[in-house]
Structures are given as C-alpha cells and as structure tokens.
Amino acid sequence: MSCGRGGRVAAAALCLALCACHTIRFDLSHDPVAGDPIEDRKDFYWWALYPTMRVDVSQFCPQGALRVVEENAFTDIVLSGFTLGIYTPRTSFYFCRELPPAPPAGQDGLK
C-alpha cells in the first residue's frame, strides 16, 4: 500500500513538528510552589527574527518566582507551521513562591 506523495509530505511535516518541540526551564529555588503555574502566551512574528521580549516576572508572581518554564509546544509548532513562520507563538509558565505564613493573632514577631 502506497501513501503517495501527499502522504509522505504530511508525514515528514509531522515528524519535523514533533522534533521541533523544546522546553527551557529555569529553576531559581526549591521552595514550595504556590498552586498551579501561571500560563502566559507570547506572540512573535516573522520567524521570531527579533525574539527579545522583556518580561516583568513580578507582574505574575509578586512574592517572587521559583521556576520559569518556556516551551515551544506541539500546538505552537502547528500554528507556526500553518502560517509558514509568520506567526510564532511561545508559551511560558511561571511557578510562584508561597506567601510566608502569617504570624498568629496577637504576636507581632518581637521577643
């Protein structure tokens, strides 16, 4: 059974898309994480020729970030491939630090 030229091209495109997925992970601390990560999608255009984008992490995690994960997931690759690289999304996840526990009522922390 033959796939034909179109089937081979589609299979090759799928293989390239799956191989192009990547993840960059920055671990800043091993403290406890406060709940689920905050997801943020960034949009780049024209093959991300100018990928520099400033991000204020305190906007997402006022108490500080423990981990930042930047990924080019399968859906990002598909969207980029569908637009021939004109639109290139990238997804970021911010893992925030837990707030310190509040002191018990009536104690101000002084000895």
PDB file of N, CA and C in Angstrom:
ATOM      1  N   MET A   1       0.840  -1.171   0.000  1.00  0.00           N
ATOM      2  CA  MET A   1       0.000   0.000   0.000  1.00  0.00           C
ATOM      3  C   MET A   1       0.893   1.244   0.000  1.00  0.00           C
ATOM      4  N   SER A   2       0.620   2.165  -0.884  1.00  0.00           N
ATOM      5  CA  SER A   2       1.443   3.355  -1.050  1.00  0.00           C
ATOM      6  C   SER A   2       0.725   4.579  -0.482  1.00  0.00           C
ATOM      7  N   CYS A   3       1.483   5.440   0.204  1.00  0.00           N
ATOM      8  CA  CYS A   3       0.898   6.657   0.766  1.00  0.00           C
ATOM      9  C   CYS A   3       0.737   7.746  -0.286  1.00  0.00           C
ATOM     10  N   GLY A   4       1.519   7.681  -1.313  1.00  0.00           N
ATOM     11  CA  GLY A   4       1.518   8.761  -2.288  1.00  0.00           C
ATOM     12  C   GLY A   4       2.384   9.908  -1.825  1.00  0.00           C
ATOM     13  N   ARG A   5       2.589  10.829  -2.708  1.00  0.00           N
ATOM     14  CA  ARG A   5       3.465  11.966  -2.423  1.00  0.00           C
ATOM     15  C   ARG A   5       2.905  12.844  -1.299  1.00  0.00           C
ATOM     16  N   GLY A   6       1.603  13.110  -1.314  1.00  0.00           N
ATOM     17  CA  GLY A   6       0.987  13.961  -0.289  1.00  0.00           C
ATOM     18  C   GLY A   6       1.107  13.355   1.095  1.00  0.00           C
ATOM     19  N   GLY A   7       0.932  12.040   1.208  1.00  0.00           N
ATOM     20  CA  GLY A   7       1.046  11.362   2.496  1.00  0.00           C
ATOM     21  C   GLY A   7       2.453  11.425   3.040  1.00  0.00           C
ATOM     22  N   ARG A   8       3.435  11.278   2.154  1.00  0.00           N
ATOM     23  CA  ARG A   8       4.834  11.361   2.597  1.00  0.00           C
ATOM     24  C   ARG A   8       5.199  12.763   3.048  1.00  0.00           C
ATOM     25  N   VAL A   9       4.680  13.763   2.342  1.00  0.00           N
ATOM     26  CA  VAL A   9       4.956  15.151   2.729  1.00  0.00           C
ATOM     27  C   VAL A   9       4.317  15.447   4.088  1.00  0.00           C
ATOM     28  N   ALA A  10       3.084  14.981   4.283  1.00  0.00           N
ATOM     29  CA  ALA A  10       2.404  15.197   5.562  1.00  0.00           C
ATOM     30  C   ALA A  10       3.139  14.482   6.693  1.00  0.00           C
ATOM     31  N   ALA A  11       3.600  13.266   6.453  1.00  0.00           N
ATOM     32  CA  ALA A  11       4.333  12.523   7.475  1.00  0.00           C
ATOM     33  C   ALA A  11       5.646  13.218   7.811  1.00  0.00           C
ATOM     34  N   ALA A  12       6.332  13.728   6.799  1.00  0.00           N
ATOM     35  CA  ALA A  12       7.591  14.445   7.040  1.00  0.00           C
ATOM     36  C   ALA A  12       7.338  15.727   7.832  1.00  0.00           C
ATOM     37  N   ALA A  13       6.260  16.447   7.506  1.00  0.00           N
ATOM     38  CA  ALA A  13       5.931  17.679   8.230  1.00  0.00           C
ATOM     39  C   ALA A  13       5.600  17.381   9.685  1.00  0.00           C
ATOM     40  N   LEU A  14       4.876  16.277   9.919  1.00  0.00           N
ATOM     41  CA  LEU A  14       4.540  15.884  11.286  1.00  0.00           C
ATOM     42  C   LEU A  14       5.804  15.528  12.074  1.00  0.00           C
ATOM     43  N   CYS A  15       6.707  14.803  11.448  1.00  0.00           N
ATOM     44  CA  CYS A  15       7.967  14.442  12.116  1.00  0.00           C
ATOM     45  C   CYS A  15       8.776  15.689  12.466  1.00  0.00           C
ATOM     46  N   LEU A  16       8.855  16.643  11.551  1.00  0.00           N
ATOM     47  CA  LEU A  16       9.591  17.877  11.829  1.00  0.00           C
ATOM     48  C   LEU A  16       8.939  18.666  12.959  1.00  0.00           C
ATOM     49  N   ALA A  17       7.599  18.713  12.956  1.00  0.00           N
ATOM     50  CA  ALA A  17       6.899  19.447  14.009  1.00  0.00           C
ATOM     51  C   ALA A  17       7.139  18.808  15.366  1.00  0.00           C
ATOM     52  N   LEU A  18       7.115  17.499  15.437  1.00  0.00           N
ATOM     53  CA  LEU A  18       7.343  16.814  16.713  1.00  0.00           C
ATOM     54  C   LEU A  18       8.781  16.959  17.183  1.00  0.00           C
ATOM     55  N   CYS A  19       9.711  17.005  16.257  1.00  0.00           N
ATOM     56  CA  CYS A  19      11.128  17.151  16.621  1.00  0.00           C
ATOM     57  C   CYS A  19      11.459  18.576  17.041  1.00  0.00           C
ATOM     58  N   ALA A  20      10.656  19.540  16.629  1.00  0.00           N
ATOM     59  CA  ALA A  20      10.955  20.940  16.898  1.00  0.00           C
ATOM     60  C   ALA A  20      10.465  21.405  18.264  1.00  0.00           C
ATOM     61  N   CYS A  21       9.718  20.581  18.982  1.00  0.00           N
ATOM     62  CA  CYS A  21       9.246  20.966  20.313  1.00  0.00           C
ATOM     63  C   CYS A  21      10.445  21.077  21.259  1.00  0.00           C
ATOM     64  N   HIS A  22      10.445  22.101  22.088  1.00  0.00           N
ATOM     65  CA  HIS A  22      11.525  22.229  23.056  1.00  0.00           C
ATOM     66  C   HIS A  22      11.023  22.928  24.314  1.00  0.00           C
ATOM     67  N   THR A  23      11.745  22.746  25.395  1.00  0.00           N
ATOM     68  CA  THR A  23      11.417  23.361  26.678  1.00  0.00           C
ATOM     69  C   THR A  23      12.700  23.884  27.309  1.00  0.00           C
ATOM     70  N   ILE A  24      12.622  25.105  27.828  1.00  0.00           N
ATOM     71  CA  ILE A  24      13.726  25.703  28.572  1.00  0.00           C
ATOM     72  C   ILE A  24      13.211  25.930  29.985  1.00  0.00           C
ATOM     73  N   ARG A  25      13.946  25.455  30.980  1.00  0.00           N
ATOM     74  CA  ARG A  25      13.492  25.527  32.359  1.00  0.00           C
ATOM     75  C   ARG A  25      14.548  26.221  33.211  1.00  0.00           C
ATOM     76  N   PHE A  26      14.113  27.240  33.953  1.00  0.00           N
ATOM     77  CA  PHE A  26      14.976  27.970  34.875  1.00  0.00           C
ATOM     78  C   PHE A  26      14.493  27.690  36.291  1.00  0.00           C
ATOM     79  N   ASP A  27      15.278  26.971  37.076  1.00  0.00           N
ATOM     80  CA  ASP A  27      14.954  26.722  38.479  1.00  0.00           C
ATOM     81  C   ASP A  27      15.690  27.754  39.323  1.00  0.00           C
ATOM     82  N   LEU A  28      14.927  28.601  40.006  1.00  0.00           N
ATOM     83  CA  LEU A  28      15.512  29.656  40.804  1.00  0.00           C
ATOM     84  C   LEU A  28      15.612  29.286  42.277  1.00  0.00           C
ATOM     85  N   SER A  29      14.769  28.352  42.724  1.00  0.00           N
ATOM     86  CA  SER A  29      14.749  27.929  44.118  1.00  0.00           C
ATOM     87  C   SER A  29      14.009  26.605  44.210  1.00  0.00           C
ATOM     88  N   HIS A  30      14.198  25.908  45.331  1.00  0.00           N
ATOM     89  CA  HIS A  30      13.484  24.652  45.551  1.00  0.00           C
ATOM     90  C   HIS A  30      12.448  24.799  46.653  1.00  0.00           C
ATOM     91  N   ASP A  31      12.029  26.029  46.941  1.00  0.00           N
ATOM     92  CA  ASP A  31      10.998  26.281  47.938  1.00  0.00           C
ATOM     93  C   ASP A  31       9.653  25.764  47.443  1.00  0.00           C
ATOM     94  N   PRO A  32       8.660  25.650  48.323  1.00  0.00           N
ATOM     95  CA  PRO A  32       7.333  25.172  47.909  1.00  0.00           C
ATOM     96  C   PRO A  32       6.677  26.130  46.910  1.00  0.00           C
ATOM     97  N   VAL A  33       5.997  25.544  45.956  1.00  0.00           N
ATOM     98  CA  VAL A  33       5.309  26.309  44.915  1.00  0.00           C
ATOM     99  C   VAL A  33       3.889  26.607  45.368  1.00  0.00           C
ATOM    100  N   ALA A  34       3.420  27.806  45.071  1.00  0.00           N
ATOM    101  CA  ALA A  34       2.067  28.227  45.451  1.00  0.00           C
ATOM    102  C   ALA A  34       1.074  27.869  44.352  1.00  0.00           C
ATOM    103  N   GLY A  35       0.490  26.685  44.419  1.00  0.00           N
ATOM    104  CA  GLY A  35      -0.574  26.300  43.484  1.00  0.00           C
ATOM    105  C   GLY A  35      -0.086  26.020  42.072  1.00  0.00           C
ATOM    106  N   ASP A  36      -1.022  26.128  41.144  1.00  0.00           N
ATOM    107  CA  ASP A  36      -0.741  25.847  39.736  1.00  0.00           C
ATOM    108  C   ASP A  36       0.081  26.968  39.114  1.00  0.00           C
ATOM    109  N   PRO A  37       0.846  26.639  38.077  1.00  0.00           N
ATOM    110  CA  PRO A  37       1.627  27.686  37.414  1.00  0.00           C
ATOM    111  C   PRO A  37       0.726  28.648  36.652  1.00  0.00           C
ATOM    112  N   ILE A  38       1.233  29.840  36.446  1.00  0.00           N
ATOM    113  CA  ILE A  38       0.537  30.847  35.644  1.00  0.00           C
ATOM    114  C   ILE A  38       1.038  30.702  34.218  1.00  0.00           C
ATOM    115  N   GLU A  39       0.121  30.550  33.282  1.00  0.00           N
ATOM    116  CA  GLU A  39       0.472  30.348  31.869  1.00  0.00           C
ATOM    117  C   GLU A  39       0.349  31.668  31.125  1.00  0.00           C
ATOM    118  N   ASP A  40       1.341  31.956  30.300  1.00  0.00           N
ATOM    119  CA  ASP A  40       1.347  33.179  29.501  1.00  0.00           C
ATOM    120  C   ASP A  40       1.828  32.829  28.102  1.00  0.00           C
ATOM    121  N   ARG A  41       1.102  33.262  27.104  1.00  0.00           N
ATOM    122  CA  ARG A  41       1.479  33.002  25.712  1.00  0.00           C
ATOM    123  C   ARG A  41       2.010  34.299  25.107  1.00  0.00           C
ATOM    124  N   LYS A  42       3.161  34.195  24.501  1.00  0.00           N
ATOM    125  CA  LYS A  42       3.777  35.342  23.837  1.00  0.00           C
ATOM    126  C   LYS A  42       3.719  35.129  22.326  1.00  0.00           C
ATOM    127  N   ASP A  43       3.486  36.193  21.608  1.00  0.00           N
ATOM    128  CA  ASP A  43       3.376  36.116  20.158  1.00  0.00           C
ATOM    129  C   ASP A  43       4.590  36.764  19.499  1.00  0.00           C
ATOM    130  N   PHE A  44       5.180  36.026  18.584  1.00  0.00           N
ATOM    131  CA  PHE A  44       6.289  36.543  17.791  1.00  0.00           C
ATOM    132  C   PHE A  44       5.894  36.450  16.321  1.00  0.00           C
ATOM    133  N   TYR A  45       6.485  37.292  15.513  1.00  0.00           N
ATOM    134  CA  TYR A  45       6.147  37.317  14.089  1.00  0.00           C
ATOM    135  C   TYR A  45       7.412  37.229  13.248  1.00  0.00           C
ATOM    136  N   TRP A  46       7.222  36.819  12.018  1.00  0.00           N
ATOM    137  CA  TRP A  46       8.296  36.694  11.031  1.00  0.00           C
ATOM    138  C   TRP A  46       9.434  35.821  11.548  1.00  0.00           C
ATOM    139  N   TRP A  47       9.105  34.579  11.858  1.00  0.00           N
ATOM    140  CA  TRP A  47      10.056  33.545  12.280  1.00  0.00           C
ATOM    141  C   TRP A  47      10.793  33.919  13.560  1.00  0.00           C
ATOM    142  N   ALA A  48      10.216  34.816  14.328  1.00  0.00           N
ATOM    143  CA  ALA A  48      10.812  35.277  15.585  1.00  0.00           C
ATOM    144  C   ALA A  48      12.228  35.811  15.363  1.00  0.00           C
ATOM    145  N   LEU A  49      12.371  36.583  14.291  1.00  0.00           N
ATOM    146  CA  LEU A  49      13.691  37.146  13.987  1.00  0.00           C
ATOM    147  C   LEU A  49      14.165  38.097  15.081  1.00  0.00           C
ATOM    148  N   TYR A  50      13.223  38.743  15.758  1.00  0.00           N
ATOM    149  CA  TYR A  50      13.563  39.630  16.871  1.00  0.00           C
ATOM    150  C   TYR A  50      12.864  39.095  18.115  1.00  0.00           C
ATOM    151  N   PRO A  51      13.407  38.018  18.702  1.00  0.00           N
ATOM    152  CA  PRO A  51      12.698  37.346  19.790  1.00  0.00           C
ATOM    153  C   PRO A  51      12.828  38.008  21.159  1.00  0.00           C
ATOM    154  N   THR A  52      13.583  39.084  21.271  1.00  0.00           N
ATOM    155  CA  THR A  52      13.788  39.699  22.574  1.00  0.00           C
ATOM    156  C   THR A  52      12.496  40.342  23.057  1.00  0.00           C
ATOM    157  N   MET A  53      12.070  39.924  24.233  1.00  0.00           N
ATOM    158  CA  MET A  53      10.866  40.477  24.844  1.00  0.00           C
ATOM    159  C   MET A  53      11.126  40.565  26.334  1.00  0.00           C
ATOM    160  N   ARG A  54      10.963  41.735  26.909  1.00  0.00           N
ATOM    161  CA  ARG A  54      11.168  41.906  28.344  1.00  0.00           C
ATOM    162  C   ARG A  54       9.909  41.466  29.088  1.00  0.00           C
ATOM    163  N   VAL A  55      10.118  40.693  30.146  1.00  0.00           N
ATOM    164  CA  VAL A  55       9.014  40.198  30.962  1.00  0.00           C
ATOM    165  C   VAL A  55       9.296  40.549  32.412  1.00  0.00           C
ATOM    166  N   ASP A  56       8.338  41.205  33.048  1.00  0.00           N
ATOM    167  CA  ASP A  56       8.442  41.524  34.469  1.00  0.00           C
ATOM    168  C   ASP A  56       7.765  40.389  35.228  1.00  0.00           C
ATOM    169  N   VAL A  57       8.564  39.478  35.776  1.00  0.00           N
ATOM    170  CA  VAL A  57       8.027  38.300  36.450  1.00  0.00           C
ATOM    171  C   VAL A  57       7.214  38.697  37.678  1.00  0.00           C
ATOM    172  N   SER A  58       7.530  39.837  38.303  1.00  0.00           N
ATOM    173  CA  SER A  58       6.768  40.268  39.478  1.00  0.00           C
ATOM    174  C   SER A  58       5.325  40.606  39.121  1.00  0.00           C
ATOM    175  N   GLN A  59       5.062  40.828  37.859  1.00  0.00           N
ATOM    176  CA  GLN A  59       3.694  41.044  37.387  1.00  0.00           C
ATOM    177  C   GLN A  59       2.873  39.759  37.562  1.00  0.00           C
ATOM    178  N   PHE A  60       3.498  38.610  37.410  1.00  0.00           N
ATOM    179  CA  PHE A  60       2.821  37.325  37.556  1.00  0.00           C
ATOM    180  C   PHE A  60       2.960  36.775  38.977  1.00  0.00           C
ATOM    181  N   CYS A  61       4.127  36.987  39.573  1.00  0.00           N
ATOM    182  CA  CYS A  61       4.429  36.443  40.904  1.00  0.00           C
ATOM    183  C   CYS A  61       4.951  37.565  41.800  1.00  0.00           C
ATOM    184  N   PRO A  62       4.062  38.320  42.464  1.00  0.00           N
ATOM    185  CA  PRO A  62       4.519  39.441  43.300  1.00  0.00           C
ATOM    186  C   PRO A  62       5.447  39.009  44.434  1.00  0.00           C
ATOM    187  N   GLN A  63       5.288  37.785  44.954  1.00  0.00           N
ATOM    188  CA  GLN A  63       6.132  37.302  46.044  1.00  0.00           C
ATOM    189  C   GLN A  63       7.398  36.621  45.535  1.00  0.00           C
ATOM    190  N   GLY A  64       7.589  36.570  44.230  1.00  0.00           N
ATOM    191  CA  GLY A  64       8.793  36.001  43.635  1.00  0.00           C
ATOM    192  C   GLY A  64       8.512  34.699  42.904  1.00  0.00           C
ATOM    193  N   ALA A  65       9.289  34.429  41.902  1.00  0.00           N
ATOM    194  CA  ALA A  65       9.138  33.209  41.105  1.00  0.00           C
ATOM    195  C   ALA A  65      10.154  32.168  41.563  1.00  0.00           C
ATOM    196  N   LEU A  66       9.741  30.909  41.522  1.00  0.00           N
ATOM    197  CA  LEU A  66      10.634  29.807  41.854  1.00  0.00           C
ATOM    198  C   LEU A  66      11.162  29.124  40.602  1.00  0.00           C
ATOM    199  N   ARG A  67      10.337  29.127  39.574  1.00  0.00           N
ATOM    200  CA  ARG A  67      10.695  28.413  38.348  1.00  0.00           C
ATOM    201  C   ARG A  67       9.992  29.104  37.182  1.00  0.00           C
ATOM    202  N   VAL A  68      10.695  29.172  36.059  1.00  0.00           N
ATOM    203  CA  VAL A  68      10.122  29.676  34.815  1.00  0.00           C
ATOM    204  C   VAL A  68      10.378  28.612  33.751  1.00  0.00           C
ATOM    205  N   VAL A  69       9.314  28.222  33.070  1.00  0.00           N
ATOM    206  CA  VAL A  69       9.418  27.226  32.007  1.00  0.00           C
ATOM    207  C   VAL A  69       8.930  27.866  30.722  1.00  0.00           C
ATOM    208  N   GLU A  70       9.765  27.867  29.722  1.00  0.00           N
ATOM    209  CA  GLU A  70       9.452  28.433  28.402  1.00  0.00           C
ATOM    210  C   GLU A  70       9.432  27.269  27.427  1.00  0.00           C
ATOM    211  N   GLU A  71       8.328  27.131  26.692  1.00  0.00           N
ATOM    212  CA  GLU A  71       8.267  25.998  25.786  1.00  0.00           C
ATOM    213  C   GLU A  71       7.669  26.367  24.447  1.00  0.00           C
ATOM    214  N   ASN A  72       8.094  25.625  23.485  1.00  0.00           N
ATOM    215  CA  ASN A  72       7.545  25.680  22.139  1.00  0.00           C
ATOM    216  C   ASN A  72       6.817  24.354  21.966  1.00  0.00           C
ATOM    217  N   ALA A  73       5.556  24.306  22.376  1.00  0.00           N
ATOM    218  CA  ALA A  73       4.789  23.069  22.422  1.00  0.00           C
ATOM    219  C   ALA A  73       4.289  22.684  21.031  1.00  0.00           C
ATOM    220  N   PHE A  74       3.693  21.510  20.951  1.00  0.00           N
ATOM    221  CA  PHE A  74       3.201  20.990  19.688  1.00  0.00           C
ATOM    222  C   PHE A  74       2.216  21.964  19.032  1.00  0.00           C
ATOM    223  N   THR A  75       1.288  22.517  19.820  1.00  0.00           N
ATOM    224  CA  THR A  75       0.316  23.451  19.228  1.00  0.00           C
ATOM    225  C   THR A  75       1.005  24.719  18.736  1.00  0.00           C
ATOM    226  N   ASP A  76       2.036  25.169  19.435  1.00  0.00           N
ATOM    227  CA  ASP A  76       2.796  26.337  18.972  1.00  0.00           C
ATOM    228  C   ASP A  76       3.465  26.049  17.633  1.00  0.00           C
ATOM    229  N   ILE A  77       4.035  24.857  17.500  1.00  0.00           N
ATOM    230  CA  ILE A  77       4.701  24.466  16.254  1.00  0.00           C
ATOM    231  C   ILE A  77       3.699  24.363  15.115  1.00  0.00           C
ATOM    232  N   VAL A  78       2.526  23.787  15.394  1.00  0.00           N
ATOM    233  CA  VAL A  78       1.498  23.642  14.354  1.00  0.00           C
ATOM    234  C   VAL A  78       1.054  25.012  13.865  1.00  0.00           C
ATOM    235  N   LEU A  79       0.800  25.948  14.804  1.00  0.00           N
ATOM    236  CA  LEU A  79       0.380  27.292  14.399  1.00  0.00           C
ATOM    237  C   LEU A  79       1.473  27.996  13.608  1.00  0.00           C
ATOM    238  N   SER A  80       2.704  27.828  14.033  1.00  0.00           N
ATOM    239  CA  SER A  80       3.821  28.432  13.311  1.00  0.00           C
ATOM    240  C   SER A  80       3.962  27.834  11.916  1.00  0.00           C
ATOM    241  N   GLY A  81       3.828  26.513  11.825  1.00  0.00           N
ATOM    242  CA  GLY A  81       3.927  25.850  10.523  1.00  0.00           C
ATOM    243  C   GLY A  81       2.785  26.203   9.603  1.00  0.00           C
ATOM    244  N   PHE A  82       1.582  26.317  10.157  1.00  0.00           N
ATOM    245  CA  PHE A  82       0.394  26.641   9.358  1.00  0.00           C
ATOM    246  C   PHE A  82       0.528  28.021   8.726  1.00  0.00           C
ATOM    247  N   THR A  83       1.179  28.951   9.437  1.00  0.00           N
ATOM    248  CA  THR A  83       1.362  30.311   8.910  1.00  0.00           C
ATOM    249  C   THR A  83       2.723  30.484   8.238  1.00  0.00           C
ATOM    250  N   LEU A  84       3.423  29.376   8.036  1.00  0.00           N
ATOM    251  CA  LEU A  84       4.757  29.384   7.415  1.00  0.00           C
ATOM    252  C   LEU A  84       5.743  30.263   8.176  1.00  0.00           C
ATOM    253  N   GLY A  85       5.595  30.313   9.496  1.00  0.00           N
ATOM    254  CA  GLY A  85       6.526  31.045  10.338  1.00  0.00           C
ATOM    255  C   GLY A  85       6.216  32.513  10.518  1.00  0.00           C
ATOM    256  N   ILE A  86       5.175  33.001   9.862  1.00  0.00           N
ATOM    257  CA  ILE A  86       4.835  34.412  10.020  1.00  0.00           C
ATOM    258  C   ILE A  86       4.376  34.684  11.443  1.00  0.00           C
ATOM    259  N   TYR A  87       3.619  33.758  12.022  1.00  0.00           N
ATOM    260  CA  TYR A  87       3.180  33.852  13.409  1.00  0.00           C
ATOM    261  C   TYR A  87       3.825  32.711  14.182  1.00  0.00           C
ATOM    262  N   THR A  88       4.571  33.044  15.243  1.00  0.00           N
ATOM    263  CA  THR A  88       5.260  32.033  16.038  1.00  0.00           C
ATOM    264  C   THR A  88       4.949  32.247  17.512  1.00  0.00           C
ATOM    265  N   PRO A  89       3.993  31.489  18.066  1.00  0.00           N
ATOM    266  CA  PRO A  89       3.700  31.638  19.490  1.00  0.00           C
ATOM    267  C   PRO A  89       4.680  30.855  20.354  1.00  0.00           C
ATOM    268  N   ARG A  90       4.803  31.259  21.594  1.00  0.00           N
ATOM    269  CA  ARG A  90       5.612  30.545  22.578  1.00  0.00           C
ATOM    270  C   ARG A  90       4.880  30.639  23.913  1.00  0.00           C
ATOM    271  N   THR A  91       4.900  29.572  24.680  1.00  0.00           N
ATOM    272  CA  THR A  91       4.169  29.508  25.941  1.00  0.00           C
ATOM    273  C   THR A  91       5.145  29.509  27.116  1.00  0.00           C
ATOM    274  N   SER A  92       4.827  30.323  28.135  1.00  0.00           N
ATOM    275  CA  SER A  92       5.638  30.390  29.351  1.00  0.00           C
ATOM    276  C   SER A  92       4.780  30.009  30.547  1.00  0.00           C
ATOM    277  N   PHE A  93       5.420  29.362  31.520  1.00  0.00           N
ATOM    278  CA  PHE A  93       4.760  29.002  32.771  1.00  0.00           C
ATOM    279  C   PHE A  93       5.577  29.578  33.917  1.00  0.00           C
ATOM    280  N   TYR A  94       4.914  30.282  34.830  1.00  0.00           N
ATOM    281  CA  TYR A  94       5.572  30.890  35.983  1.00  0.00           C
ATOM    282  C   TYR A  94       5.087  30.190  37.240  1.00  0.00           C
ATOM    283  N   PHE A  95       6.013  29.644  38.007  1.00  0.00           N
ATOM    284  CA  PHE A  95       5.705  28.973  39.262  1.00  0.00           C
ATOM    285  C   PHE A  95       6.067  29.940  40.380  1.00  0.00           C
ATOM    286  N   CYS A  96       5.064  30.363  41.141  1.00  0.00           N
ATOM    287  CA  CYS A  96       5.255  31.407  42.149  1.00  0.00           C
ATOM    288  C   CYS A  96       5.594  30.835  43.518  1.00  0.00           C
ATOM    289  N   ARG A  97       6.276  31.645  44.299  1.00  0.00           N
ATOM    290  CA  ARG A  97       6.652  31.309  45.674  1.00  0.00           C
ATOM    291  C   ARG A  97       5.412  31.441  46.558  1.00  0.00           C
ATOM    292  N   GLU A  98       5.293  30.534  47.535  1.00  0.00           N
ATOM    293  CA  GLU A  98       4.203  30.631  48.504  1.00  0.00           C
ATOM    294  C   GLU A  98       4.430  31.833  49.403  1.00  0.00           C
ATOM    295  N   LEU A  99       3.345  32.458  49.815  1.00  0.00           N
ATOM    296  CA  LEU A  99       3.467  33.535  50.784  1.00  0.00           C
ATOM    297  C   LEU A  99       3.856  32.939  52.134  1.00  0.00           C
ATOM    298  N   PRO A 100       4.696  33.627  52.901  1.00  0.00           N
ATOM    299  CA  PRO A 100       5.045  33.098  54.230  1.00  0.00           C
ATOM    300  C   PRO A 100       3.801  33.083  55.113  1.00  0.00           C
ATOM    301  N   PRO A 101       3.724  32.126  56.039  1.00  0.00           N
ATOM    302  CA  PRO A 101       2.547  32.073  56.905  1.00  0.00           C
ATOM    303  C   PRO A 101       2.454  33.322  57.780  1.00  0.00           C
ATOM    304  N   ALA A 102       1.227  33.769  58.006  1.00  0.00           N
ATOM    305  CA  ALA A 102       1.015  34.954  58.841  1.00  0.00           C
ATOM    306  C   ALA A 102       1.284  34.584  60.297  1.00  0.00           C
ATOM    307  N   PRO A 103       1.837  35.502  61.075  1.00  0.00           N
ATOM    308  CA  PRO A 103       2.063  35.207  62.496  1.00  0.00           C
ATOM    309  C   PRO A 103       0.711  35.039  63.202  1.00  0.00           C
ATOM    310  N   PRO A 104       0.680  34.221  64.244  1.00  0.00           N
ATOM    311  CA  PRO A 104      -0.570  34.043  64.986  1.00  0.00           C
ATOM    312  C   PRO A 104      -1.085  35.388  65.532  1.00  0.00           C
ATOM    313  N   ALA A 105      -2.384  35.492  65.676  1.00  0.00           N
ATOM    314  CA  ALA A 105      -3.006  36.731  66.164  1.00  0.00           C
ATOM    315  C   ALA A 105      -2.428  37.109  67.536  1.00  0.00           C
ATOM    316  N   GLY A 106      -2.148  38.374  67.706  1.00  0.00           N
ATOM    317  CA  GLY A 106      -1.634  38.856  68.984  1.00  0.00           C
ATOM    318  C   GLY A 106      -0.123  38.807  69.091  1.00  0.00           C
ATOM    319  N   GLN A 107       0.563  38.279  68.077  1.00  0.00           N
ATOM    320  CA  GLN A 107       2.025  38.247  68.109  1.00  0.00           C
ATOM    321  C   GLN A 107       2.537  39.143  66.999  1.00  0.00           C
ATOM    322  N   ASP A 108       3.460  39.992  67.343  1.00  0.00           N
ATOM    323  CA  ASP A 108       3.999  40.898  66.340  1.00  0.00           C
ATOM    324  C   ASP A 108       5.382  40.487  65.880  1.00  0.00           C
ATOM    325  N   GLY A 109       5.867  39.343  66.319  1.00  0.00           N
ATOM    326  CA  GLY A 109       7.171  38.844  65.895  1.00  0.00           C
ATOM    327  C   GLY A 109       8.306  39.352  66.738  1.00  0.00           C
ATOM    328  N   LEU A 110       8.050  40.180  67.745  1.00  0.00           N
ATOM    329  CA  LEU A 110       9.125  40.694  68.610  1.00  0.00           C
ATOM    330  C   LEU A 110       9.274  39.801  69.824  1.00  0.00           C
ATOM    331  N   LYS A 111      10.481  39.700  70.318  1.00  0.00           N
ATOM    332  CA  LYS A 111      10.739  38.871  71.520  1.00  0.00           C
ATOM    333  C   LYS A 111      10.920  39.757  72.717  1.00  0.00           C
TER     334      LYS A 111
END
